[in-house]
Each structure stands twice: as C-alpha cells, then as structure tokens.
PDB file of N, CA and C in Angstrom:
ATOM      1  N   MET A   1      74.964  76.019 115.541  1.00  0.00           N
ATOM      2  CA  MET A   1      75.221  77.345 116.646  1.00  0.00           C
ATOM      3  C   MET A   1      76.441  77.933 116.603  1.00  0.00           C
ATOM      4  N   ALA A   2      76.495  79.060 115.854  1.00  0.00           N
ATOM      5  CA  ALA A   2      77.640  79.731 115.353  1.00  0.00           C
ATOM      6  C   ALA A   2      78.774  80.650 116.511  1.00  0.00           C
ATOM      7  N   ARG A   3      80.106  80.303 116.152  1.00  0.00           N
ATOM      8  CA  ARG A   3      81.030  80.664 117.195  1.00  0.00           C
ATOM      9  C   ARG A   3      80.755  81.812 117.315  1.00  0.00           C
ATOM     10  N   SER A   4      81.045  82.594 118.507  1.00  0.00           N
ATOM     11  CA  SER A   4      81.643  83.936 119.110  1.00  0.00           C
ATOM     12  C   SER A   4      82.799  84.797 117.884  1.00  0.00           C
ATOM     13  N   ILE A   5      83.128  86.008 118.623  1.00  0.00           N
ATOM     14  CA  ILE A   5      84.406  86.322 117.752  1.00  0.00           C
ATOM     15  C   ILE A   5      84.994  86.247 119.314  1.00  0.00           C
ATOM     16  N   ALA A   6      84.788  86.421 119.925  1.00  0.00           N
ATOM     17  CA  ALA A   6      86.035  85.509 121.105  1.00  0.00           C
ATOM     18  C   ALA A   6      86.568  84.160 120.804  1.00  0.00           C
ATOM     19  N   GLU A   7      85.754  83.220 120.556  1.00  0.00           N
ATOM     20  CA  GLU A   7      86.344  81.872 119.875  1.00  0.00           C
ATOM     21  C   GLU A   7      86.473  82.166 118.195  1.00  0.00           C
ATOM     22  N   ILE A   8      86.584  82.372 117.809  1.00  0.00           N
ATOM     23  CA  ILE A   8      87.626  83.080 116.658  1.00  0.00           C
ATOM     24  C   ILE A   8      88.353  83.436 116.646  1.00  0.00           C
ATOM     25  N   ILE A   9      88.419  84.271 117.163  1.00  0.00           N
ATOM     26  CA  ILE A   9      89.770  84.851 118.021  1.00  0.00           C
ATOM     27  C   ILE A   9      90.576  83.841 118.070  1.00  0.00           C
ATOM     28  N   ALA A  10      90.322  83.046 119.597  1.00  0.00           N
ATOM     29  CA  ALA A  10      91.102  82.303 120.313  1.00  0.00           C
ATOM     30  C   ALA A  10      91.949  80.891 119.305  1.00  0.00           C
ATOM     31  N   ASP A  11      90.975  81.015 118.526  1.00  0.00           N
ATOM     32  CA  ASP A  11      91.761  79.778 117.432  1.00  0.00           C
ATOM     33  C   ASP A  11      92.166  80.118 115.775  1.00  0.00           C
ATOM     34  N   HIS A  12      91.938  81.904 115.348  1.00  0.00           N
ATOM     35  CA  HIS A  12      92.645  82.360 114.102  1.00  0.00           C
ATOM     36  C   HIS A  12      92.468  81.782 113.509  1.00  0.00           C
ATOM     37  N   LYS A  13      90.996  81.027 113.852  1.00  0.00           N
ATOM     38  CA  LYS A  13      90.489  80.454 112.290  1.00  0.00           C
ATOM     39  C   LYS A  13      88.375  80.402 111.906  1.00  0.00           C
ATOM     40  N   VAL A  14      89.081  80.489 110.689  1.00  0.00           N
ATOM     41  CA  VAL A  14      86.635  80.757 110.646  1.00  0.00           C
ATOM     42  C   VAL A  14      86.280  80.291 109.267  1.00  0.00           C
ATOM     43  N   THR A  15      85.991  79.573 109.466  1.00  0.00           N
ATOM     44  CA  THR A  15      85.423  79.107 108.529  1.00  0.00           C
ATOM     45  C   THR A  15      84.021  79.737 107.400  1.00  0.00           C
ATOM     46  N   GLU A  16      83.827  79.940 106.231  1.00  0.00           N
ATOM     47  CA  GLU A  16      82.687  80.379 105.067  1.00  0.00           C
ATOM     48  C   GLU A  16      82.533  80.666 105.671  1.00  0.00           C
ATOM     49  N   ALA A  17      80.845  80.246 105.885  1.00  0.00           N
ATOM     50  CA  ALA A  17      80.039  80.122 107.221  1.00  0.00           C
ATOM     51  C   ALA A  17      79.910  81.237 108.352  1.00  0.00           C
ATOM     52  N   GLU A  18      80.687  80.450 109.004  1.00  0.00           N
ATOM     53  CA  GLU A  18      80.912  81.574 109.865  1.00  0.00           C
ATOM     54  C   GLU A  18      81.353  83.242 109.799  1.00  0.00           C
ATOM     55  N   LEU A  19      81.752  82.890 108.979  1.00  0.00           N
ATOM     56  CA  LEU A  19      82.535  84.172 108.192  1.00  0.00           C
ATOM     57  C   LEU A  19      81.305  84.676 107.801  1.00  0.00           C
ATOM     58  N   GLU A  20      80.630  84.755 106.907  1.00  0.00           N
ATOM     59  CA  GLU A  20      79.567  84.820 106.317  1.00  0.00           C
ATOM     60  C   GLU A  20      78.737  85.166 107.677  1.00  0.00           C
ATOM     61  N   GLU A  21      78.358  84.616 108.830  1.00  0.00           N
ATOM     62  CA  GLU A  21      77.563  84.979 110.038  1.00  0.00           C
ATOM     63  C   GLU A  21      78.079  86.086 110.417  1.00  0.00           C
ATOM     64  N   LEU A  22      80.045  85.991 110.734  1.00  0.00           N
ATOM     65  CA  LEU A  22      80.125  87.222 111.470  1.00  0.00           C
ATOM     66  C   LEU A  22      80.131  88.543 110.993  1.00  0.00           C
ATOM     67  N   VAL A  23      80.195  88.564 109.062  1.00  0.00           N
ATOM     68  CA  VAL A  23      80.129  89.936 108.766  1.00  0.00           C
ATOM     69  C   VAL A  23      78.928  90.183 108.867  1.00  0.00           C
ATOM     70  N   ALA A  24      77.723  89.368 108.727  1.00  0.00           N
ATOM     71  CA  ALA A  24      76.282  89.887 108.816  1.00  0.00           C
ATOM     72  C   ALA A  24      75.764  90.363 109.978  1.00  0.00           C
ATOM     73  N   ARG A  25      76.206  89.769 111.225  1.00  0.00           N
ATOM     74  CA  ARG A  25      75.738  90.447 112.629  1.00  0.00           C
ATOM     75  C   ARG A  25      76.371  91.774 112.363  1.00  0.00           C
ATOM     76  N   TYR A  26      77.409  92.288 112.488  1.00  0.00           N
ATOM     77  CA  TYR A  26      77.564  93.759 111.944  1.00  0.00           C
ATOM     78  C   TYR A  26      77.235  94.364 110.705  1.00  0.00           C
ATOM     79  N   ASP A  27      76.373  94.062 109.651  1.00  0.00           N
ATOM     80  CA  ASP A  27      76.531  94.884 108.489  1.00  0.00           C
ATOM     81  C   ASP A  27      75.117  95.302 107.992  1.00  0.00           C
ATOM     82  N   ALA A  28      74.751  96.348 109.622  1.00  0.00           N
ATOM     83  CA  ALA A  28      73.737  96.686 108.858  1.00  0.00           C
ATOM     84  C   ALA A  28      73.044  97.659 107.756  1.00  0.00           C
ATOM     85  N   ASN A  29      73.062  97.821 106.745  1.00  0.00           N
ATOM     86  CA  ASN A  29      72.833  98.204 105.641  1.00  0.00           C
ATOM     87  C   ASN A  29      72.350  96.503 105.298  1.00  0.00           C
ATOM     88  N   GLY A  30      73.159  95.580 104.964  1.00  0.00           N
ATOM     89  CA  GLY A  30      72.777  94.745 104.197  1.00  0.00           C
ATOM     90  C   GLY A  30      73.387  94.444 103.121  1.00  0.00           C
ATOM     91  N   ASP A  31      74.952  95.557 102.636  1.00  0.00           N
ATOM     92  CA  ASP A  31      75.710  95.191 101.898  1.00  0.00           C
ATOM     93  C   ASP A  31      77.093  94.311 101.502  1.00  0.00           C
ATOM     94  N   GLY A  32      77.380  93.819 102.391  1.00  0.00           N
ATOM     95  CA  GLY A  32      78.071  92.094 102.531  1.00  0.00           C
ATOM     96  C   GLY A  32      79.759  92.505 102.738  1.00  0.00           C
ATOM     97  N   ARG A  33      79.654  94.488 103.269  1.00  0.00           N
ATOM     98  CA  ARG A  33      80.689  94.901 103.712  1.00  0.00           C
ATOM     99  C   ARG A  33      80.356  95.635 105.456  1.00  0.00           C
ATOM    100  N   LEU A  34      81.637  95.436 105.862  1.00  0.00           N
ATOM    101  CA  LEU A  34      81.674  96.836 106.736  1.00  0.00           C
ATOM    102  C   LEU A  34      81.925  98.373 106.766  1.00  0.00           C
ATOM    103  N   ASP A  35      81.382  99.385 106.743  1.00  0.00           N
ATOM    104  CA  ASP A  35      81.885 100.471 106.884  1.00  0.00           C
ATOM    105  C   ASP A  35      81.811 101.055 108.111  1.00  0.00           C
ATOM    106  N   GLY A  36      82.143 102.700 108.336  1.00  0.00           N
ATOM    107  CA  GLY A  36      81.619 103.491 109.306  1.00  0.00           C
ATOM    108  C   GLY A  36      81.486 102.198 109.985  1.00  0.00           C
ATOM    109  N   GLU A  37      79.891 103.404 111.217  1.00  0.00           N
ATOM    110  CA  GLU A  37      79.745 102.720 112.406  1.00  0.00           C
ATOM    111  C   GLU A  37      79.674 101.458 112.250  1.00  0.00           C
ATOM    112  N   GLU A  38      79.337 100.828 111.454  1.00  0.00           N
ATOM    113  CA  GLU A  38      79.670  98.706 111.452  1.00  0.00           C
ATOM    114  C   GLU A  38      80.432  98.082 111.886  1.00  0.00           C
ATOM    115  N   VAL A  39      81.645  99.112 110.939  1.00  0.00           N
ATOM    116  CA  VAL A  39      83.891  98.988 111.453  1.00  0.00           C
ATOM    117  C   VAL A  39      82.828  98.749 112.240  1.00  0.00           C
ATOM    118  N   ARG A  40      82.977 100.216 113.901  1.00  0.00           N
ATOM    119  CA  ARG A  40      83.738 100.891 114.387  1.00  0.00           C
ATOM    120  C   ARG A  40      82.898  99.754 115.550  1.00  0.00           C
ATOM    121  N   GLU A  41      81.814  99.535 115.490  1.00  0.00           N
ATOM    122  CA  GLU A  41      81.079  98.137 116.741  1.00  0.00           C
ATOM    123  C   GLU A  41      81.821  96.909 116.591  1.00  0.00           C
ATOM    124  N   PHE A  42      82.534  96.487 115.376  1.00  0.00           N
ATOM    125  CA  PHE A  42      83.252  95.322 115.377  1.00  0.00           C
ATOM    126  C   PHE A  42      84.716  95.250 116.288  1.00  0.00           C
ATOM    127  N   ALA A  43      85.461  96.577 115.893  1.00  0.00           N
ATOM    128  CA  ALA A  43      86.184  96.991 116.487  1.00  0.00           C
ATOM    129  C   ALA A  43      85.998  97.377 118.161  1.00  0.00           C
ATOM    130  N   ARG A  44      84.911  98.123 118.520  1.00  0.00           N
ATOM    131  CA  ARG A  44      84.389  97.730 119.814  1.00  0.00           C
ATOM    132  C   ARG A  44      84.628  96.357 120.567  1.00  0.00           C
ATOM    133  N   GLU A  45      83.892  95.774 119.945  1.00  0.00           N
ATOM    134  CA  GLU A  45      83.378  93.831 120.232  1.00  0.00           C
ATOM    135  C   GLU A  45      85.492  93.459 120.621  1.00  0.00           C
ATOM    136  N   VAL A  46      85.825  93.523 119.232  1.00  0.00           N
ATOM    137  CA  VAL A  46      87.007  93.308 119.158  1.00  0.00           C
ATOM    138  C   VAL A  46      88.332  93.561 120.334  1.00  0.00           C
ATOM    139  N   SER A  47      88.096  94.963 120.103  1.00  0.00           N
ATOM    140  CA  SER A  47      88.689  95.512 121.448  1.00  0.00           C
ATOM    141  C   SER A  47      88.471  95.383 122.786  1.00  0.00           C
ATOM    142  N   ALA A  48      87.661  95.076 122.817  1.00  0.00           N
ATOM    143  CA  ALA A  48      87.403  95.039 124.413  1.00  0.00           C
ATOM    144  C   ALA A  48      88.128  93.699 124.911  1.00  0.00           C
ATOM    145  N   LEU A  49      87.584  92.155 124.479  1.00  0.00           N
ATOM    146  CA  LEU A  49      88.054  91.283 123.937  1.00  0.00           C
ATOM    147  C   LEU A  49      90.119  91.103 123.912  1.00  0.00           C
ATOM    148  N   LEU A  50      90.330  92.140 123.940  1.00  0.00           N
ATOM    149  CA  LEU A  50      92.192  92.558 123.527  1.00  0.00           C
ATOM    150  C   LEU A  50      92.742  93.215 124.494  1.00  0.00           C
ATOM    151  N   LYS A  51      90.811  93.825 125.136  1.00  0.00           N
ATOM    152  CA  LYS A  51      91.831  94.855 126.245  1.00  0.00           C
ATOM    153  C   LYS A  51      92.878  95.688 125.398  1.00  0.00           C
ATOM    154  N   SER A  52      92.187  96.007 124.185  1.00  0.00           N
ATOM    155  CA  SER A  52      93.022  97.155 123.774  1.00  0.00           C
ATOM    156  C   SER A  52      92.676  98.647 123.107  1.00  0.00           C
ATOM    157  N   ASP A  53      92.608  99.893 122.606  1.00  0.00           N
ATOM    158  CA  ASP A  53      91.625 101.112 121.627  1.00  0.00           C
ATOM    159  C   ASP A  53      90.768 100.361 120.365  1.00  0.00           C
ATOM    160  N   VAL A  54      89.642 100.606 120.905  1.00  0.00           N
ATOM    161  CA  VAL A  54      88.983 100.826 119.204  1.00  0.00           C
ATOM    162  C   VAL A  54      89.540 101.802 117.920  1.00  0.00           C
ATOM    163  N   ALA A  55      90.564 102.600 118.537  1.00  0.00           N
ATOM    164  CA  ALA A  55      91.058 103.014 117.270  1.00  0.00           C
ATOM    165  C   ALA A  55      91.937 102.492 116.838  1.00  0.00           C
ATOM    166  N   ASP A  56      92.819 101.930 117.443  1.00  0.00           N
ATOM    167  CA  ASP A  56      94.025 100.672 116.663  1.00  0.00           C
ATOM    168  C   ASP A  56      93.843  99.881 116.745  1.00  0.00           C
ATOM    169  N   VAL A  57      92.156  99.007 117.183  1.00  0.00           N
ATOM    170  CA  VAL A  57      92.108  97.147 116.305  1.00  0.00           C
ATOM    171  C   VAL A  57      91.340  98.026 114.752  1.00  0.00           C
ATOM    172  N   ILE A  58      90.872  99.474 114.408  1.00  0.00           N
ATOM    173  CA  ILE A  58      90.776 100.111 113.403  1.00  0.00           C
ATOM    174  C   ILE A  58      91.972 100.803 112.530  1.00  0.00           C
ATOM    175  N   ASP A  59      93.051 101.247 113.230  1.00  0.00           N
ATOM    176  CA  ASP A  59      93.972 101.181 112.087  1.00  0.00           C
ATOM    177  C   ASP A  59      94.882  99.501 111.855  1.00  0.00           C
ATOM    178  N   ILE A  60      95.018  98.507 112.985  1.00  0.00           N
ATOM    179  CA  ILE A  60      95.303  97.420 112.281  1.00  0.00           C
ATOM    180  C   ILE A  60      94.227  96.873 110.659  1.00  0.00           C
ATOM    181  N   LEU A  61      92.863  97.108 111.150  1.00  0.00           N
ATOM    182  CA  LEU A  61      92.435  96.347 110.164  1.00  0.00           C
ATOM    183  C   LEU A  61      92.710  96.989 109.322  1.00  0.00           C
ATOM    184  N   SER A  62      92.683  98.397 109.074  1.00  0.00           N
ATOM    185  CA  SER A  62      93.155  98.883 107.697  1.00  0.00           C
ATOM    186  C   SER A  62      94.110  98.262 107.032  1.00  0.00           C
ATOM    187  N   PHE A  63      95.279  97.930 107.582  1.00  0.00           N
ATOM    188  CA  PHE A  63      96.529  97.219 107.317  1.00  0.00           C
ATOM    189  C   PHE A  63      95.946  95.848 105.701  1.00  0.00           C
ATOM    190  N   TYR A  64      94.787  95.311 106.820  1.00  0.00           N
ATOM    191  CA  TYR A  64      94.571  94.534 106.180  1.00  0.00           C
ATOM    192  C   TYR A  64      93.731  94.671 104.820  1.00  0.00           C
ATOM    193  N   GLN A  65      93.456  95.790 104.255  1.00  0.00           N
ATOM    194  CA  GLN A  65      92.715  96.650 103.587  1.00  0.00           C
ATOM    195  C   GLN A  65      93.134  95.841 101.994  1.00  0.00           C
ATOM    196  N   ALA A  66      91.938  95.592 101.001  1.00  0.00           N
ATOM    197  CA  ALA A  66      93.332  95.278  99.578  1.00  0.00           C
ATOM    198  C   ALA A  66      93.234  95.671  98.726  1.00  0.00           C
ATOM    199  N   ASP A  67      91.782  96.870  98.912  1.00  0.00           N
ATOM    200  CA  ASP A  67      91.953  97.877  97.750  1.00  0.00           C
ATOM    201  C   ASP A  67      91.888  99.381  99.115  1.00  0.00           C
ATOM    202  N   ASP A  68      91.074 100.418  97.496  1.00  0.00           N
ATOM    203  CA  ASP A  68      91.425 101.763  97.623  1.00  0.00           C
ATOM    204  C   ASP A  68      90.200 102.169  99.039  1.00  0.00           C
ATOM    205  N   ASP A  69      88.859 100.495  98.662  1.00  0.00           N
ATOM    206  CA  ASP A  69      87.740 101.082  99.317  1.00  0.00           C
ATOM    207  C   ASP A  69      87.796 101.697 100.384  1.00  0.00           C
ATOM    208  N   VAL A  70      86.442 101.989 101.431  1.00  0.00           N
ATOM    209  CA  VAL A  70      86.722 102.004 103.124  1.00  0.00           C
ATOM    210  C   VAL A  70      85.979 101.102 103.555  1.00  0.00           C
ATOM    211  N   ALA A  71      85.082 100.609 102.805  1.00  0.00           N
ATOM    212  CA  ALA A  71      84.543  99.581 103.089  1.00  0.00           C
ATOM    213  C   ALA A  71      85.541  98.522 103.584  1.00  0.00           C
ATOM    214  N   PHE A  72      85.444  97.401 103.840  1.00  0.00           N
ATOM    215  CA  PHE A  72      85.733  95.914 104.274  1.00  0.00           C
ATOM    216  C   PHE A  72      85.143  94.879 103.562  1.00  0.00           C
ATOM    217  N   ASP A  73      85.574  94.434 103.251  1.00  0.00           N
ATOM    218  CA  ASP A  73      84.707  93.062 102.452  1.00  0.00           C
ATOM    219  C   ASP A  73      85.102  91.904 103.258  1.00  0.00           C
ATOM    220  N   PRO A  74      83.800  91.150 103.492  1.00  0.00           N
ATOM    221  CA  PRO A  74      84.894  89.373 104.752  1.00  0.00           C
ATOM    222  C   PRO A  74      86.269  88.823 104.423  1.00  0.00           C
ATOM    223  N   GLN A  75      86.811  88.976 103.079  1.00  0.00           N
ATOM    224  CA  GLN A  75      88.436  88.371 103.253  1.00  0.00           C
ATOM    225  C   GLN A  75      89.012  89.488 103.797  1.00  0.00           C
ATOM    226  N   GLU A  76      89.038  91.002 103.746  1.00  0.00           N
ATOM    227  CA  GLU A  76      89.946  91.501 104.683  1.00  0.00           C
ATOM    228  C   GLU A  76      89.764  91.662 106.157  1.00  0.00           C
ATOM    229  N   ILE A  77      88.220  91.002 106.258  1.00  0.00           N
ATOM    230  CA  ILE A  77      87.607  90.945 108.226  1.00  0.00           C
ATOM    231  C   ILE A  77      88.782  89.659 108.667  1.00  0.00           C
ATOM    232  N   ARG A  78      88.817  88.495 107.519  1.00  0.00           N
ATOM    233  CA  ARG A  78      88.789  87.132 107.136  1.00  0.00           C
ATOM    234  C   ARG A  78      90.748  87.020 107.626  1.00  0.00           C
ATOM    235  N   SER A  79      91.819  88.145 106.733  1.00  0.00           N
ATOM    236  CA  SER A  79      92.966  88.640 107.110  1.00  0.00           C
ATOM    237  C   SER A  79      93.728  89.290 108.716  1.00  0.00           C
ATOM    238  N   PHE A  80      92.577  89.976 109.069  1.00  0.00           N
ATOM    239  CA  PHE A  80      92.518  90.543 110.011  1.00  0.00           C
ATOM    240  C   PHE A  80      92.637  89.375 110.960  1.00  0.00           C
ATOM    241  N   LEU A  81      91.694  88.565 111.394  1.00  0.00           N
ATOM    242  CA  LEU A  81      91.139  87.125 111.863  1.00  0.00           C
ATOM    243  C   LEU A  81      92.334  86.612 112.590  1.00  0.00           C
ATOM    244  N   GLU A  82      92.312  86.287 110.622  1.00  0.00           N
ATOM    245  CA  GLU A  82      93.530  84.991 111.147  1.00  0.00           C
ATOM    246  C   GLU A  82      94.868  84.895 111.119  1.00  0.00           C
ATOM    247  N   LEU A  83      95.396  86.292 110.336  1.00  0.00           N
ATOM    248  CA  LEU A  83      97.002  86.503 109.651  1.00  0.00           C
ATOM    249  C   LEU A  83      96.924  87.438 111.542  1.00  0.00           C
ATOM    250  N   HIS A  84      96.720  88.722 111.383  1.00  0.00           N
ATOM    251  CA  HIS A  84      96.998  89.685 112.612  1.00  0.00           C
ATOM    252  C   HIS A  84      96.465  89.305 114.348  1.00  0.00           C
ATOM    253  N   LEU A  85      95.782  88.320 114.097  1.00  0.00           N
ATOM    254  CA  LEU A  85      95.514  87.877 115.478  1.00  0.00           C
ATOM    255  C   LEU A  85      96.519  86.237 116.172  1.00  0.00           C
ATOM    256  N   THR A  86      97.081  86.371 115.295  1.00  0.00           N
ATOM    257  CA  THR A  86      98.297  84.912 115.671  1.00  0.00           C
ATOM    258  C   THR A  86      98.583  85.576 116.652  1.00  0.00           C
TER     259      THR A  86
END
C-alpha cells in the first residue's frame, strides 16, 4: 500500500516507487511531470498539511527546478520533499 503524502512529508524520505506513484497521482496528462493545474493540486495538498499558502508552496517548489522548464520532473519533486521539508 502506498504511503500518503503526509507520511512522506513526516519522514522526509521517498522511495523511487513512491515518487513514481506520487507523481502519477497528480499527473493528469500522463507525461511523467507536473505542470499547470497538476502542480497546483499537489501544492494544495502539501499546503493543507503544512498549514501554509498554496502560492508559497509553489514558490518554494520552484526553487528546486533544475532547469528552465515550467514542469516539475520527479527528481525536482523529490528534492522539495526531502530537502526543503526537513
């Protein structure tokens, strides 16, 4: 059974399988990355857990983008979850 995003945030570690499942959960168009409304949906869930603003979560998440692409790839999501939320 896959862990919830709350459980992942609680221990700051995400396995490769969990990362794939997490991205797939929000990846409505199936391209393996999060962009647009997919990012907003991810940020909404994270912000509710952290009791913060969605825009703030998106701004912080943007710091972990390794390229100039507007979409977030799984490794950028991993960096956010494991490095920022420690």
